Amino acid sequence: MTATMKAAVLVRPGQFEVQQVPRPEPGRGEVLVRISRVGICGTDMHIFNGHYAADSLPMIPGHEFTGTIAELGQDVQGLTPGSPVVVDMNIGCGTCYWCRRNEVLNCPDMQQMGITMDGAFAEYIAVPARLVIPAPDTVPTEVLALTEPLACVVRCARKANITFGQSVVVLGAGPIGNLHVQLLRTIGAAPIIVADLSEDRVNMALEAGADVGVTDPAELEDVVMRHTDGRGADVVIESVGLPALYRQATRLIRKGGHIAAFGLTGADEMLPVDILQTILQENSIKGSVAGMGQDMHDALTMLTHGRIRTERFTAATYPLDQIQDAFDSFADRPRDLKTQIALTH
């Protein structure tokens, strides 16, 4: 008889069903991971609301996860059953031009756990062994589950070449915006200016290390200029996904400044760019959305050594059976920077 497991299946936008489904078997070069914790990502909310990956439904979402190795597939070496792990959710072919450059999202055969294929809102998941990263057993599972979102932020900072003493504006003080602030503080960026309509979230960003907080969009440009000697910011990170904020970002960077395009917009949204100004001022814009490869390892190292304050990311926890409630109430809990699904066995 085929073994089964409990899983939360998103059968249609806005509706989960907790079902018994076949438990995956690890194939050659794969590992079966027993899930412990899964974070709810903004991308998960887009999928839940029908704005993204609708053609993948019905599907088991979830990609910010940690667990323990339950079983090794054939030819897997160097990993031990029972060990805690985190997993890189981006599956490329591993050999093409983009995979060799750690640009897996551009791989022609790229798949993403919980987005284009079944993910981790389940008791078990089978994953390629090459994407499994052993984790210290001294780090709590709720903290390990933050590795993937932190890796996304690590990659953004890496792509934008942010370094100490640079002024940075973070547009959006939600979960990812807060992580941006914390990483920027660790890097040594200064000043860090964060903007959000939510006073609660701006205050949390200030507690996390931002130097200046802004809640009134009409004041933002003046505030940025005042704190950068009238030049504008070295870097602006858009972490919300609103075209209006991207347009505002072009007015907030200094000559020679950089826009880090991080927040996902709609597929048809466009950003008008003053080409001549971009050329003459040597401005730049670069996209970044998901952490992969070394980004995951760096994020795990930072979490292991306590470089990130995680308390506000781990307070809201729901069991798998209550995943519908967790998603339905997500927008009404702005002080919960992250919601996690805890699986018990």
Protein backbone atom coordinates (compact mmCIF):
# COMPACT_ATOMS: atom_id res chain seq x y z
CA MET A 1 0.00 0.00 0.00
CA THR A 2 1.29 3.46 -0.91
CA ALA A 3 2.27 5.53 2.12
CA THR A 4 0.37 8.78 2.58
CA MET A 5 0.97 12.06 4.35
CA LYS A 6 -1.02 15.10 5.41
CA ALA A 7 -0.69 18.10 3.11
CA ALA A 8 -2.36 21.47 2.58
CA VAL A 9 -3.49 21.60 -1.04
CA LEU A 10 -4.47 24.96 -2.52
CA VAL A 11 -7.30 23.66 -4.69
CA ARG A 12 -8.25 27.09 -6.03
CA PRO A 13 -7.38 30.70 -5.15
CA GLY A 14 -8.43 31.40 -1.58
CA GLN A 15 -9.20 27.79 -0.64
CA PHE A 16 -6.97 25.23 1.06
CA GLU A 17 -7.95 21.64 1.71
CA VAL A 18 -5.93 19.55 4.17
CA GLN A 19 -5.79 16.15 2.51
CA GLN A 20 -4.12 12.78 2.73
CA VAL A 21 -1.92 12.54 -0.36
CA PRO A 22 0.74 10.05 -1.50
CA ARG A 23 4.00 10.52 0.36
CA PRO A 24 6.83 11.17 -2.10
CA GLU A 25 9.60 8.63 -2.46
CA PRO A 26 13.15 9.94 -2.91
CA GLY A 27 14.54 9.07 -6.32
CA ARG A 28 18.15 8.72 -7.37
CA GLY A 29 20.10 11.68 -6.03
CA GLU A 30 17.19 12.87 -3.88
CA VAL A 31 16.49 13.24 -0.17
CA LEU A 32 13.18 12.88 1.64
CA VAL A 33 12.84 15.73 4.16
CA ARG A 34 10.45 15.57 7.09
CA ILE A 35 9.09 19.12 7.41
CA SER A 36 9.27 20.94 10.74
CA ARG A 37 8.44 24.59 9.98
CA VAL A 38 7.32 26.53 6.92
CA GLY A 39 7.06 30.31 6.64
CA ILE A 40 4.29 32.06 4.73
CA CYS A 41 5.90 34.28 2.10
CA GLY A 42 4.48 37.26 0.25
CA THR A 43 4.69 35.09 -2.87
CA ASP A 44 2.50 32.50 -1.12
CA MET A 45 -0.07 35.24 -0.52
CA HIS A 46 0.05 36.19 -4.22
CA ILE A 47 -0.58 32.52 -5.10
CA PHE A 48 -3.36 32.27 -2.49
CA ASN A 49 -5.06 35.38 -3.89
CA GLY A 50 -4.84 34.14 -7.47
CA HIS A 51 -2.31 36.74 -8.65
CA TYR A 52 0.55 34.35 -9.36
CA ALA A 53 1.15 30.74 -10.48
CA ALA A 54 -2.58 30.12 -10.98
CA ASP A 55 -1.76 27.63 -13.74
CA SER A 56 0.00 25.43 -11.14
CA LEU A 57 -3.16 24.81 -9.08
CA PRO A 58 -4.15 22.55 -7.45
CA MET A 59 -0.79 22.53 -5.69
CA ILE A 60 0.90 22.23 -2.32
CA PRO A 61 2.58 25.65 -1.82
CA GLY A 62 5.34 26.49 0.67
CA HIS A 63 9.04 27.11 0.06
CA GLU A 64 10.48 28.73 3.24
CA PHE A 65 11.08 25.53 5.14
CA THR A 66 13.28 23.50 7.39
CA GLY A 67 13.11 19.91 8.52
CA THR A 68 15.14 16.77 9.10
CA ILE A 69 16.38 14.14 6.69
CA ALA A 70 13.98 11.19 6.74
CA GLU A 71 15.43 9.04 3.98
CA LEU A 72 18.24 9.08 1.43
CA GLY A 73 17.70 8.16 -2.18
CA GLN A 74 20.10 6.07 -4.20
CA ASP A 75 23.63 7.47 -4.73
CA VAL A 76 23.26 10.17 -2.06
CA GLN A 77 26.37 10.62 0.06
CA GLY A 78 27.51 13.05 2.72
CA LEU A 79 24.09 13.48 4.35
CA THR A 80 22.79 11.73 7.46
CA PRO A 81 19.19 10.69 8.28
CA GLY A 82 17.84 12.64 11.25
CA SER A 83 20.01 15.70 10.60
CA PRO A 84 18.37 19.16 10.47
CA VAL A 85 18.52 20.85 7.07
CA VAL A 86 17.36 23.81 5.05
CA VAL A 87 16.78 23.55 1.32
CA ASP A 88 17.40 25.82 -1.68
CA MET A 89 13.98 25.90 -3.36
CA ASN A 90 15.27 26.80 -6.84
CA ILE A 91 15.85 23.74 -9.03
CA GLY A 92 17.92 24.31 -12.15
CA CYS A 93 19.50 21.81 -14.49
CA GLY A 94 22.84 22.43 -12.76
CA THR A 95 24.90 22.51 -15.95
CA CYS A 96 23.69 25.32 -18.23
CA TYR A 97 25.29 28.77 -18.60
CA TRP A 98 22.96 30.36 -16.01
CA CYS A 99 23.26 27.57 -13.44
CA ARG A 100 27.05 27.76 -13.64
CA ARG A 101 26.79 31.50 -12.83
CA ASN A 102 24.39 30.92 -9.90
CA GLU A 103 21.59 32.59 -11.89
CA VAL A 104 19.31 29.58 -11.58
CA LEU A 105 16.10 31.56 -12.14
CA ASN A 106 17.17 32.04 -15.76
CA CYS A 107 17.73 28.32 -16.35
CA PRO A 108 15.47 27.13 -19.20
CA ASP A 109 14.47 24.12 -17.08
CA MET A 110 14.07 25.98 -13.77
CA GLN A 111 11.46 24.80 -11.28
CA GLN A 112 10.62 26.23 -7.85
CA MET A 113 9.30 24.22 -4.94
CA GLY A 114 5.90 25.46 -3.87
CA ILE A 115 5.49 27.72 -6.90
CA THR A 116 5.78 25.66 -10.08
CA MET A 117 5.63 22.29 -8.30
CA ASP A 118 4.45 20.88 -4.97
CA GLY A 119 6.14 22.43 -1.95
CA ALA A 120 6.44 22.17 1.80
CA PHE A 121 3.00 22.71 3.37
CA ALA A 122 3.08 18.97 3.96
CA GLU A 123 4.64 16.41 6.24
CA TYR A 124 7.31 15.41 3.72
CA ILE A 125 9.00 16.65 0.54
CA ALA A 126 11.48 14.97 -1.78
CA VAL A 127 14.25 17.31 -2.97
CA PRO A 128 17.52 17.07 -4.92
CA ALA A 129 20.33 16.22 -2.52
CA ARG A 130 22.57 18.90 -4.08
CA LEU A 131 20.15 21.57 -2.77
CA VAL A 132 20.13 20.30 0.82
CA ILE A 133 22.17 22.32 3.31
CA PRO A 134 22.93 20.74 6.72
CA ALA A 135 22.00 23.05 9.59
CA PRO A 136 23.28 23.21 13.18
CA ASP A 137 21.05 21.41 15.67
CA THR A 138 21.62 24.33 18.08
CA VAL A 139 19.47 26.71 16.00
CA PRO A 140 15.70 26.57 16.68
CA THR A 141 13.58 25.32 13.79
CA GLU A 142 11.57 28.55 13.69
CA VAL A 143 14.81 30.45 13.06
CA LEU A 144 16.06 27.98 10.45
CA ALA A 145 12.82 28.54 8.52
CA LEU A 146 13.94 32.14 7.95
CA THR A 147 16.95 31.06 5.89
CA GLU A 148 15.26 31.34 2.50
CA PRO A 149 13.74 34.83 2.95
CA LEU A 150 17.01 36.12 4.41
CA ALA A 151 18.86 34.61 1.44
CA CYS A 152 16.68 36.70 -0.88
CA VAL A 153 17.77 39.83 0.98
CA VAL A 154 21.42 38.75 0.94
CA ARG A 155 21.25 38.36 -2.83
CA CYS A 156 19.67 41.80 -3.27
CA ALA A 157 22.45 43.47 -1.30
CA ARG A 158 25.03 41.50 -3.24
CA LYS A 159 23.53 42.43 -6.62
CA ALA A 160 23.36 46.11 -5.60
CA ASN A 161 26.97 46.05 -4.33
CA ILE A 162 25.94 47.76 -1.09
CA THR A 163 28.81 48.49 1.26
CA PHE A 164 29.58 50.45 4.44
CA GLY A 165 28.81 54.14 4.56
CA GLN A 166 26.30 54.06 1.72
CA SER A 167 22.94 55.75 2.13
CA VAL A 168 20.03 53.40 1.43
CA VAL A 169 16.28 53.96 1.23
CA VAL A 170 14.06 50.91 1.80
CA LEU A 171 10.57 51.34 0.37
CA GLY A 172 8.34 49.03 2.40
CA ALA A 173 8.72 47.98 6.04
CA GLY A 174 7.00 44.60 5.88
CA PRO A 175 8.81 41.32 6.62
CA ILE A 176 11.28 41.62 3.76
CA GLY A 177 11.75 45.35 4.30
CA ASN A 178 12.60 44.67 7.94
CA LEU A 179 15.16 42.05 6.89
CA HIS A 180 16.64 44.51 4.39
CA VAL A 181 17.06 47.02 7.22
CA GLN A 182 18.74 44.49 9.49
CA LEU A 183 21.14 43.30 6.81
CA LEU A 184 21.99 46.87 5.81
CA ARG A 185 22.78 47.64 9.45
CA THR A 186 25.08 44.62 9.58
CA ILE A 187 26.83 45.70 6.36
CA GLY A 188 27.35 49.21 7.72
CA ALA A 189 25.14 51.20 5.37
CA ALA A 190 24.27 54.67 6.68
CA PRO A 191 21.91 56.36 6.87
CA ILE A 192 19.16 53.75 6.43
CA ILE A 193 15.83 55.42 5.63
CA VAL A 194 12.69 53.29 5.63
CA ALA A 195 9.29 54.30 4.29
CA ASP A 196 5.91 52.63 4.79
CA LEU A 197 2.31 53.74 5.28
CA SER A 198 2.08 51.62 8.46
CA GLU A 199 3.35 53.44 11.54
CA ASP A 200 3.63 50.12 13.38
CA ARG A 201 5.89 48.65 10.74
CA VAL A 202 8.03 51.77 10.46
CA ASN A 203 8.51 51.70 14.23
CA MET A 204 9.53 48.03 14.05
CA ALA A 205 12.03 48.91 11.32
CA LEU A 206 13.47 51.66 13.52
CA GLU A 207 13.80 49.13 16.35
CA ALA A 208 15.55 46.80 13.89
CA GLY A 209 18.17 49.39 12.97
CA ALA A 210 16.78 51.98 10.55
CA ASP A 211 17.99 55.53 11.20
CA VAL A 212 14.99 57.40 9.82
CA GLY A 213 11.36 56.39 9.33
CA VAL A 214 8.79 58.02 7.04
CA THR A 215 5.04 57.33 6.89
CA ASP A 216 3.93 60.25 4.70
CA PRO A 217 4.84 59.69 1.02
CA ALA A 218 4.64 63.45 0.36
CA GLU A 219 7.52 64.02 2.79
CA LEU A 220 9.79 61.23 1.63
CA GLU A 221 11.79 63.06 -1.02
CA ASP A 222 12.53 66.00 1.30
CA VAL A 223 13.56 63.64 4.09
CA VAL A 224 15.91 61.70 1.82
CA MET A 225 17.55 64.86 0.49
CA ARG A 226 17.91 66.28 3.99
CA HIS A 227 19.74 63.18 5.22
CA THR A 228 22.01 62.83 2.17
CA ASP A 229 23.31 66.42 1.92
CA GLY A 230 20.92 67.09 -0.97
CA ARG A 231 22.40 64.39 -3.21
CA GLY A 232 19.84 61.61 -2.94
CA ALA A 233 20.44 58.05 -1.80
CA ASP A 234 23.21 55.83 -3.07
CA VAL A 235 20.72 52.94 -3.31
CA VAL A 236 16.93 52.66 -3.19
CA ILE A 237 15.42 49.21 -2.57
CA GLU A 238 11.80 48.82 -3.70
CA SER A 239 10.44 45.90 -1.69
CA VAL A 240 6.67 46.36 -2.17
CA GLY A 241 6.01 45.92 -5.88
CA LEU A 242 4.11 49.12 -6.72
CA PRO A 243 4.85 50.96 -9.98
CA ALA A 244 4.29 54.30 -8.21
CA LEU A 245 7.08 53.44 -5.75
CA TYR A 246 9.42 52.45 -8.57
CA ARG A 247 8.74 55.82 -10.21
CA GLN A 248 9.41 57.55 -6.90
CA ALA A 249 12.67 55.62 -6.54
CA THR A 250 14.00 57.30 -9.69
CA ARG A 251 13.64 60.65 -7.89
CA LEU A 252 15.28 59.46 -4.68
CA ILE A 253 18.62 58.19 -5.97
CA ARG A 254 21.63 60.45 -6.38
CA LYS A 255 23.42 60.98 -9.69
CA GLY A 256 25.17 57.68 -10.27
CA GLY A 257 22.78 55.97 -7.86
CA HIS A 258 21.23 52.53 -8.05
CA ILE A 259 17.69 51.15 -7.83
CA ALA A 260 17.39 47.59 -6.50
CA ALA A 261 14.21 46.21 -8.07
CA PHE A 262 12.98 43.63 -5.58
CA GLY A 263 9.18 43.97 -5.16
CA LEU A 264 7.09 41.98 -7.66
CA THR A 265 4.69 44.01 -9.78
CA GLY A 266 1.97 42.85 -12.14
CA ALA A 267 3.16 41.27 -15.37
CA ASP A 268 1.99 44.24 -17.47
CA GLU A 269 3.43 47.03 -15.32
CA MET A 270 6.07 49.23 -16.93
CA LEU A 271 8.56 51.76 -15.53
CA PRO A 272 9.12 54.86 -17.66
CA VAL A 273 12.85 55.63 -17.66
CA ASP A 274 14.48 58.90 -18.68
CA ILE A 275 17.11 57.36 -20.92
CA LEU A 276 19.20 60.48 -21.37
CA GLN A 277 19.30 61.15 -17.64
CA THR A 278 20.21 57.53 -16.95
CA ILE A 279 23.10 57.77 -19.40
CA LEU A 280 24.40 61.18 -18.36
CA GLN A 281 24.10 60.49 -14.62
CA GLU A 282 25.28 56.86 -14.93
CA ASN A 283 22.32 55.59 -12.93
CA SER A 284 21.48 51.89 -12.80
CA ILE A 285 18.67 49.48 -11.97
CA LYS A 286 19.07 45.76 -11.30
CA GLY A 287 16.50 43.12 -10.46
CA SER A 288 16.79 40.55 -7.68
CA VAL A 289 14.08 38.32 -6.29
CA ALA A 290 15.24 34.97 -4.88
CA GLY A 291 18.22 33.75 -2.90
CA MET A 292 20.03 30.69 -4.21
CA GLY A 293 23.30 28.84 -3.93
CA GLN A 294 25.81 30.73 -1.79
CA ASP A 295 23.10 33.20 -0.73
CA MET A 296 21.45 30.37 1.24
CA HIS A 297 24.71 29.38 2.91
CA ASP A 298 25.47 32.99 3.87
CA ALA A 299 21.97 33.50 5.27
CA LEU A 300 22.22 30.34 7.36
CA THR A 301 25.60 31.44 8.72
CA MET A 302 24.18 34.81 9.76
CA LEU A 303 21.21 33.20 11.51
CA THR A 304 23.47 30.68 13.22
CA HIS A 305 25.59 33.48 14.67
CA GLY A 306 22.70 35.70 15.72
CA ARG A 307 23.20 38.53 13.26
CA ILE A 308 19.43 38.88 12.70
CA ARG A 309 16.80 39.68 15.34
CA THR A 310 14.16 37.03 14.73
CA GLU A 311 11.66 37.46 17.58
CA ARG A 312 9.03 39.31 15.53
CA PHE A 313 9.31 36.74 12.75
CA THR A 314 8.62 33.67 14.86
CA ALA A 315 5.77 34.67 17.20
CA ALA A 316 2.80 33.79 14.96
CA THR A 317 2.52 30.03 14.49
CA TYR A 318 -0.35 27.89 13.23
CA PRO A 319 -0.67 24.11 12.90
CA LEU A 320 -1.14 22.69 9.41
CA ASP A 321 -4.82 21.98 10.09
CA GLN A 322 -5.39 25.73 10.58
CA ILE A 323 -3.57 26.91 7.46
CA GLN A 324 -6.75 28.43 6.03
CA ASP A 325 -7.08 30.63 9.13
CA ALA A 326 -3.40 31.57 8.91
CA PHE A 327 -3.81 32.83 5.34
CA ASP A 328 -7.24 34.44 5.84
CA SER A 329 -6.01 36.49 8.82
CA PHE A 330 -2.58 37.36 7.42
CA ALA A 331 -3.44 40.89 6.27
CA ASP A 332 -5.13 41.70 9.60
CA ARG A 333 -1.97 41.00 11.62
CA PRO A 334 0.53 43.69 10.51
CA ARG A 335 2.61 43.32 13.68
CA ASP A 336 3.29 39.68 12.82
CA LEU A 337 6.19 40.11 10.43
CA LYS A 338 6.08 36.43 9.58
CA THR A 339 3.59 33.62 10.06
CA GLN A 340 4.85 30.06 10.24
CA ILE A 341 3.15 26.70 9.87
CA ALA A 342 4.38 24.19 12.45
CA LEU A 343 4.12 20.52 11.61
CA THR A 344 3.87 17.95 14.36
CA HIS A 345 4.47 14.26 13.81
